[in-house]
N, C-alpha and C. Protein backbone atom coordinates (compact mmCIF):
# COMPACT_ATOMS: atom_id res chain seq x y z
N MET A 1 0.85 -1.19 0.00
CA MET A 1 0.00 0.00 0.00
C MET A 1 0.89 1.24 0.00
N ALA A 2 0.64 2.14 -0.93
CA ALA A 2 1.42 3.37 -1.04
C ALA A 2 0.86 4.41 -0.07
N ARG A 3 1.72 4.88 0.83
CA ARG A 3 1.31 5.87 1.82
C ARG A 3 2.27 7.04 1.71
N ILE A 4 1.74 8.20 1.30
CA ILE A 4 2.56 9.40 1.13
C ILE A 4 1.91 10.54 1.89
N SER A 5 2.68 11.25 2.69
CA SER A 5 2.21 12.40 3.48
C SER A 5 1.02 12.03 4.37
N GLY A 6 1.01 10.81 4.86
CA GLY A 6 -0.06 10.38 5.75
C GLY A 6 -1.35 10.02 5.05
N VAL A 7 -1.32 9.87 3.73
CA VAL A 7 -2.52 9.54 2.95
C VAL A 7 -2.30 8.19 2.26
N ASN A 8 -3.25 7.29 2.42
CA ASN A 8 -3.21 6.03 1.69
C ASN A 8 -3.74 6.28 0.29
N LEU A 9 -2.90 6.06 -0.72
CA LEU A 9 -3.33 6.29 -2.10
C LEU A 9 -4.19 5.11 -2.56
N PRO A 10 -5.27 5.39 -3.31
CA PRO A 10 -6.13 4.31 -3.80
C PRO A 10 -5.35 3.37 -4.73
N MET A 11 -5.53 2.08 -4.57
CA MET A 11 -4.70 1.09 -5.25
C MET A 11 -5.03 0.91 -6.73
N ASN A 12 -6.28 1.02 -7.12
CA ASN A 12 -6.67 0.69 -8.48
C ASN A 12 -6.74 1.88 -9.43
N LYS A 13 -6.33 3.05 -8.98
CA LYS A 13 -6.35 4.23 -9.84
C LYS A 13 -4.98 4.46 -10.45
N ARG A 14 -4.96 5.20 -11.57
CA ARG A 14 -3.68 5.60 -12.16
C ARG A 14 -2.97 6.49 -11.15
N ILE A 15 -1.66 6.40 -11.11
CA ILE A 15 -0.89 7.13 -10.10
C ILE A 15 -1.05 8.64 -10.28
N GLU A 16 -1.28 9.08 -11.53
CA GLU A 16 -1.48 10.50 -11.80
C GLU A 16 -2.71 11.03 -11.07
N VAL A 17 -3.76 10.21 -10.98
CA VAL A 17 -4.99 10.59 -10.29
C VAL A 17 -4.86 10.34 -8.79
N ALA A 18 -4.20 9.26 -8.43
CA ALA A 18 -4.09 8.87 -7.01
C ALA A 18 -3.32 9.91 -6.21
N VAL A 19 -2.30 10.53 -6.81
CA VAL A 19 -1.49 11.51 -6.10
C VAL A 19 -2.32 12.75 -5.75
N THR A 20 -3.36 13.03 -6.53
CA THR A 20 -4.19 14.21 -6.25
C THR A 20 -5.05 14.03 -5.00
N TYR A 21 -5.08 12.83 -4.41
CA TYR A 21 -5.79 12.62 -3.15
C TYR A 21 -5.07 13.29 -1.98
N ILE A 22 -3.82 13.69 -2.20
CA ILE A 22 -3.05 14.39 -1.17
C ILE A 22 -3.45 15.85 -1.20
N TYR A 23 -3.81 16.41 -0.05
CA TYR A 23 -4.23 17.80 0.04
C TYR A 23 -3.06 18.70 -0.31
N GLY A 24 -3.26 19.55 -1.31
CA GLY A 24 -2.21 20.46 -1.74
C GLY A 24 -1.58 20.08 -3.06
N ILE A 25 -1.99 18.95 -3.63
CA ILE A 25 -1.46 18.53 -4.93
C ILE A 25 -2.63 18.33 -5.88
N GLY A 26 -2.62 19.10 -6.96
CA GLY A 26 -3.66 19.00 -7.98
C GLY A 26 -3.14 18.28 -9.21
N LYS A 27 -3.86 18.44 -10.32
CA LYS A 27 -3.50 17.73 -11.55
C LYS A 27 -2.13 18.16 -12.08
N VAL A 28 -1.91 19.47 -12.16
CA VAL A 28 -0.67 19.98 -12.74
C VAL A 28 0.52 19.60 -11.86
N ALA A 29 0.36 19.74 -10.56
CA ALA A 29 1.44 19.38 -9.63
C ALA A 29 1.73 17.88 -9.70
N ALA A 30 0.68 17.08 -9.85
CA ALA A 30 0.86 15.63 -9.94
C ALA A 30 1.67 15.27 -11.19
N LYS A 31 1.35 15.89 -12.32
CA LYS A 31 2.08 15.60 -13.56
C LYS A 31 3.55 15.96 -13.43
N SER A 32 3.83 17.16 -12.91
CA SER A 32 5.22 17.59 -12.80
C SER A 32 5.99 16.74 -11.79
N THR A 33 5.32 16.31 -10.73
CA THR A 33 5.96 15.47 -9.72
C THR A 33 6.34 14.12 -10.32
N LEU A 34 5.43 13.53 -11.06
CA LEU A 34 5.71 12.22 -11.67
C LEU A 34 6.81 12.32 -12.71
N LYS A 35 6.83 13.43 -13.43
CA LYS A 35 7.87 13.62 -14.44
C LYS A 35 9.24 13.71 -13.77
N SER A 36 9.34 14.49 -12.69
CA SER A 36 10.62 14.65 -12.02
C SER A 36 11.05 13.38 -11.28
N ALA A 37 10.08 12.55 -10.88
CA ALA A 37 10.40 11.28 -10.21
C ALA A 37 10.69 10.18 -11.22
N GLY A 38 10.36 10.42 -12.50
CA GLY A 38 10.61 9.43 -13.54
C GLY A 38 9.65 8.26 -13.50
N ILE A 39 8.40 8.53 -13.19
CA ILE A 39 7.37 7.49 -13.11
C ILE A 39 6.36 7.71 -14.22
N ASN A 40 5.96 6.63 -14.89
CA ASN A 40 4.96 6.70 -15.95
C ASN A 40 3.60 7.02 -15.33
N PRO A 41 2.92 8.09 -15.79
CA PRO A 41 1.63 8.47 -15.20
C PRO A 41 0.52 7.43 -15.39
N ASP A 42 0.67 6.52 -16.35
CA ASP A 42 -0.37 5.55 -16.63
C ASP A 42 -0.32 4.31 -15.76
N THR A 43 0.75 4.15 -14.98
CA THR A 43 0.82 2.96 -14.12
C THR A 43 -0.16 3.07 -12.98
N ARG A 44 -0.65 1.94 -12.54
CA ARG A 44 -1.58 1.88 -11.41
C ARG A 44 -0.77 1.92 -10.11
N THR A 45 -1.41 2.39 -9.06
CA THR A 45 -0.73 2.52 -7.78
C THR A 45 -0.25 1.16 -7.27
N LYS A 46 -1.04 0.12 -7.49
CA LYS A 46 -0.66 -1.21 -7.00
C LYS A 46 0.56 -1.77 -7.73
N ASP A 47 0.86 -1.25 -8.93
CA ASP A 47 1.98 -1.77 -9.72
C ASP A 47 3.30 -1.06 -9.43
N LEU A 48 3.28 -0.03 -8.56
CA LEU A 48 4.51 0.70 -8.25
C LEU A 48 5.42 -0.15 -7.38
N THR A 49 6.72 -0.03 -7.62
CA THR A 49 7.68 -0.70 -6.74
C THR A 49 7.92 0.17 -5.52
N GLU A 50 8.52 -0.41 -4.50
CA GLU A 50 8.80 0.33 -3.27
C GLU A 50 9.78 1.47 -3.54
N ASP A 51 10.70 1.24 -4.47
CA ASP A 51 11.68 2.26 -4.84
C ASP A 51 11.00 3.47 -5.49
N GLU A 52 10.03 3.20 -6.37
CA GLU A 52 9.31 4.29 -7.03
C GLU A 52 8.48 5.09 -6.03
N VAL A 53 7.87 4.39 -5.08
CA VAL A 53 7.08 5.07 -4.05
C VAL A 53 7.98 5.98 -3.21
N ASN A 54 9.17 5.49 -2.87
CA ASN A 54 10.11 6.31 -2.10
C ASN A 54 10.58 7.53 -2.88
N LYS A 55 10.84 7.35 -4.19
CA LYS A 55 11.23 8.49 -5.04
C LYS A 55 10.13 9.54 -5.05
N LEU A 56 8.90 9.09 -5.24
CA LEU A 56 7.75 9.99 -5.29
C LEU A 56 7.58 10.71 -3.96
N ARG A 57 7.72 9.99 -2.85
CA ARG A 57 7.60 10.59 -1.52
C ARG A 57 8.65 11.67 -1.31
N ILE A 58 9.88 11.41 -1.72
CA ILE A 58 10.97 12.39 -1.56
C ILE A 58 10.70 13.64 -2.39
N VAL A 59 10.26 13.47 -3.63
CA VAL A 59 9.99 14.62 -4.51
C VAL A 59 8.86 15.47 -3.94
N ILE A 60 7.80 14.83 -3.45
CA ILE A 60 6.65 15.57 -2.91
C ILE A 60 7.05 16.33 -1.65
N GLU A 61 7.78 15.68 -0.76
CA GLU A 61 8.19 16.35 0.47
C GLU A 61 9.14 17.50 0.22
N LYS A 62 9.95 17.38 -0.83
CA LYS A 62 10.92 18.42 -1.14
C LYS A 62 10.27 19.64 -1.81
N GLN A 63 9.30 19.40 -2.69
CA GLN A 63 8.75 20.47 -3.52
C GLN A 63 7.50 21.15 -2.95
N TYR A 64 6.67 20.42 -2.21
CA TYR A 64 5.36 20.95 -1.85
C TYR A 64 5.11 20.94 -0.35
N ILE A 65 4.29 21.89 0.08
CA ILE A 65 3.74 21.86 1.43
C ILE A 65 2.40 21.15 1.31
N THR A 66 2.20 20.09 2.09
CA THR A 66 0.99 19.30 1.93
C THR A 66 0.34 19.01 3.27
N GLU A 67 -0.88 18.48 3.19
CA GLU A 67 -1.68 17.99 4.30
C GLU A 67 -1.73 18.91 5.51
N GLY A 68 -1.36 18.43 6.68
CA GLY A 68 -1.56 19.16 7.93
C GLY A 68 -0.88 20.52 7.96
N GLU A 69 0.34 20.59 7.45
CA GLU A 69 1.08 21.85 7.45
C GLU A 69 0.37 22.90 6.57
N LEU A 70 -0.11 22.49 5.41
CA LEU A 70 -0.82 23.40 4.52
C LEU A 70 -2.15 23.83 5.12
N ARG A 71 -2.87 22.91 5.76
CA ARG A 71 -4.13 23.26 6.40
C ARG A 71 -3.91 24.28 7.51
N ARG A 72 -2.85 24.09 8.32
CA ARG A 72 -2.52 25.06 9.37
C ARG A 72 -2.19 26.42 8.78
N GLN A 73 -1.46 26.42 7.68
CA GLN A 73 -1.06 27.67 7.03
C GLN A 73 -2.30 28.43 6.53
N VAL A 74 -3.22 27.73 5.89
CA VAL A 74 -4.44 28.35 5.39
C VAL A 74 -5.29 28.89 6.55
N ALA A 75 -5.41 28.09 7.61
CA ALA A 75 -6.20 28.51 8.77
C ALA A 75 -5.59 29.75 9.43
N SER A 76 -4.27 29.80 9.51
CA SER A 76 -3.62 30.97 10.12
C SER A 76 -3.78 32.20 9.24
N ASN A 77 -3.78 32.01 7.92
CA ASN A 77 -4.01 33.14 7.02
C ASN A 77 -5.41 33.72 7.21
N VAL A 78 -6.41 32.84 7.32
CA VAL A 78 -7.79 33.29 7.52
C VAL A 78 -7.92 33.96 8.89
N ARG A 79 -7.29 33.38 9.92
CA ARG A 79 -7.31 33.96 11.26
C ARG A 79 -6.69 35.36 11.26
N ARG A 80 -5.59 35.52 10.52
CA ARG A 80 -4.94 36.83 10.43
C ARG A 80 -5.85 37.85 9.77
N LEU A 81 -6.55 37.45 8.71
CA LEU A 81 -7.48 38.36 8.04
C LEU A 81 -8.60 38.80 8.98
N LYS A 82 -9.09 37.87 9.81
CA LYS A 82 -10.15 38.21 10.77
C LYS A 82 -9.63 39.17 11.83
N GLU A 83 -8.40 38.92 12.32
CA GLU A 83 -7.84 39.74 13.40
C GLU A 83 -7.58 41.18 12.97
N ILE A 84 -7.12 41.37 11.72
CA ILE A 84 -6.83 42.74 11.29
C ILE A 84 -8.09 43.48 10.86
N GLY A 85 -9.22 42.74 10.81
CA GLY A 85 -10.50 43.38 10.52
C GLY A 85 -10.70 43.73 9.06
N SER A 86 -10.08 42.96 8.17
CA SER A 86 -10.23 43.25 6.75
C SER A 86 -11.62 42.80 6.26
N PHE A 87 -11.98 43.28 5.09
CA PHE A 87 -13.27 42.91 4.50
C PHE A 87 -13.31 41.41 4.25
N ARG A 88 -12.23 40.85 3.69
CA ARG A 88 -12.18 39.41 3.43
C ARG A 88 -12.32 38.61 4.71
N GLY A 89 -11.70 39.10 5.78
CA GLY A 89 -11.81 38.42 7.07
C GLY A 89 -13.23 38.40 7.59
N SER A 90 -13.94 39.52 7.41
CA SER A 90 -15.33 39.57 7.86
C SER A 90 -16.20 38.63 7.04
N ARG A 91 -15.90 38.49 5.75
CA ARG A 91 -16.67 37.56 4.90
C ARG A 91 -16.41 36.12 5.34
N HIS A 92 -15.17 35.79 5.67
CA HIS A 92 -14.86 34.45 6.18
C HIS A 92 -15.61 34.19 7.48
N ALA A 93 -15.64 35.18 8.35
CA ALA A 93 -16.31 35.02 9.65
C ALA A 93 -17.80 34.79 9.48
N LYS A 94 -18.41 35.45 8.49
CA LYS A 94 -19.85 35.31 8.25
C LYS A 94 -20.18 34.08 7.41
N GLY A 95 -19.16 33.46 6.83
CA GLY A 95 -19.40 32.29 5.98
C GLY A 95 -19.94 32.65 4.62
N LEU A 96 -19.57 33.83 4.11
CA LEU A 96 -20.02 34.29 2.80
C LEU A 96 -18.87 34.27 1.81
N PRO A 97 -19.15 34.38 0.50
CA PRO A 97 -18.07 34.40 -0.49
C PRO A 97 -17.14 35.59 -0.26
N ALA A 98 -15.84 35.34 -0.33
CA ALA A 98 -14.85 36.37 0.00
C ALA A 98 -14.20 36.98 -1.22
N ARG A 99 -14.48 36.47 -2.41
CA ARG A 99 -13.76 36.92 -3.59
C ARG A 99 -14.63 37.65 -4.61
N GLY A 100 -15.65 38.32 -4.16
CA GLY A 100 -16.42 39.17 -5.05
C GLY A 100 -17.53 38.49 -5.81
N GLN A 101 -17.85 37.25 -5.48
CA GLN A 101 -18.95 36.59 -6.18
C GLN A 101 -20.27 37.21 -5.77
N ARG A 102 -21.26 37.12 -6.66
CA ARG A 102 -22.56 37.67 -6.33
C ARG A 102 -23.27 36.78 -5.34
N THR A 103 -24.12 37.38 -4.51
CA THR A 103 -24.82 36.59 -3.51
C THR A 103 -26.33 36.67 -3.66
N LYS A 104 -26.80 37.46 -4.63
CA LYS A 104 -28.25 37.57 -4.79
C LYS A 104 -28.83 36.26 -5.31
N THR A 105 -28.21 35.69 -6.33
CA THR A 105 -28.77 34.47 -6.91
C THR A 105 -27.96 33.23 -6.58
N ASN A 106 -26.67 33.36 -6.36
CA ASN A 106 -25.85 32.19 -6.05
C ASN A 106 -25.55 32.15 -4.56
N SER A 107 -24.97 31.08 -4.11
CA SER A 107 -24.57 30.85 -2.71
C SER A 107 -25.75 30.96 -1.75
N ARG A 108 -26.93 30.54 -2.19
CA ARG A 108 -28.10 30.61 -1.31
C ARG A 108 -27.97 29.65 -0.14
N THR A 109 -27.50 28.44 -0.41
CA THR A 109 -27.40 27.47 0.68
C THR A 109 -26.35 27.89 1.69
N VAL A 110 -25.32 28.56 1.25
CA VAL A 110 -24.29 29.04 2.17
C VAL A 110 -24.89 30.08 3.11
N ARG A 111 -25.77 30.91 2.56
CA ARG A 111 -26.38 31.98 3.36
C ARG A 111 -27.53 31.47 4.22
N GLY A 112 -27.93 30.22 4.01
CA GLY A 112 -29.05 29.68 4.77
C GLY A 112 -30.38 30.10 4.21
N ASN A 113 -30.42 30.50 2.94
CA ASN A 113 -31.64 30.97 2.32
C ASN A 113 -31.97 30.00 1.19
N LYS A 114 -32.55 28.88 1.53
CA LYS A 114 -32.82 27.86 0.53
C LYS A 114 -34.25 28.01 0.05
N ARG A 115 -34.41 28.63 -1.11
CA ARG A 115 -35.74 28.77 -1.70
C ARG A 115 -36.02 27.55 -2.55
N VAL A 116 -37.25 27.10 -2.52
CA VAL A 116 -37.63 25.96 -3.35
C VAL A 116 -38.80 26.37 -4.23
N THR A 117 -38.90 25.74 -5.37
CA THR A 117 -40.00 26.04 -6.28
C THR A 117 -41.28 25.41 -5.75
N MET A 118 -42.39 25.78 -6.36
CA MET A 118 -43.70 25.42 -5.86
C MET A 118 -43.89 23.91 -5.67
N GLY A 119 -43.58 23.12 -6.68
CA GLY A 119 -43.90 21.70 -6.60
C GLY A 119 -42.76 20.84 -6.14
N SER A 120 -41.62 21.41 -5.79
CA SER A 120 -40.45 20.58 -5.50
C SER A 120 -40.55 19.85 -4.18
N GLY A 121 -41.29 20.37 -3.24
CA GLY A 121 -41.36 19.73 -1.93
C GLY A 121 -42.65 18.99 -1.70
N ARG A 122 -43.32 18.58 -2.78
CA ARG A 122 -44.63 17.96 -2.67
C ARG A 122 -44.52 16.58 -2.02
N LYS A 123 -45.40 16.29 -1.07
CA LYS A 123 -45.39 15.03 -0.37
C LYS A 123 -46.46 14.11 -0.94
N GLU A 124 -46.18 12.82 -0.86
CA GLU A 124 -47.15 11.84 -1.33
C GLU A 124 -48.32 11.78 -0.36
N ALA A 125 -49.49 11.42 -0.88
CA ALA A 125 -50.67 11.26 -0.01
C ALA A 125 -50.45 10.06 0.90
N GLY A 126 -50.91 10.16 2.12
CA GLY A 126 -50.69 9.10 3.11
C GLY A 126 -51.36 7.79 2.73
N GLN A 127 -52.65 7.83 2.34
CA GLN A 127 -53.35 6.61 1.98
C GLN A 127 -54.41 6.92 0.94
N LYS A 128 -54.89 5.86 0.30
CA LYS A 128 -55.90 6.06 -0.73
C LYS A 128 -57.22 6.45 -0.10
N THR A 129 -58.01 7.24 -0.84
CA THR A 129 -59.33 7.63 -0.33
C THR A 129 -60.42 6.97 -1.15
C-alpha cells in the first residue's frame, strides 16, 4: 500500500490521479511530480515498486507543502485576516463568499436561504381515499 504524506493512495487508480488525493497537490502538480520522479503516469498505484514510491515521496516532500502543514497555514491566514479586521476576514467570519462573487442568486445554501420552487417539496398522499 502506497502511503505518502499520511494519505493512503487508492490502489486501483492511475498514479497520476491517485497523487491528487493528497491535500495540496492538484493535476498539474501531480504531472510535474511524476515527471521529475521518472514514473509513468499511466501505471496503477498497486503496480509501483517500493523504490518508485520512495522516489515519489521524496519529490513531494521536497517540492510541496501538503496535508496538515498546509491546512494550518491556510487557517492561520484566515485567522490573520479576521484579526486585522479586513473585508475578506469579515466575509470568512460570516461564511459568505470572500472573492467578489454575487450573492443575490448564487450561494443561497451558504447563506441559509434555501428557496424551493412550488412543486419541488410535494409530499405523497398518506393513503388512498
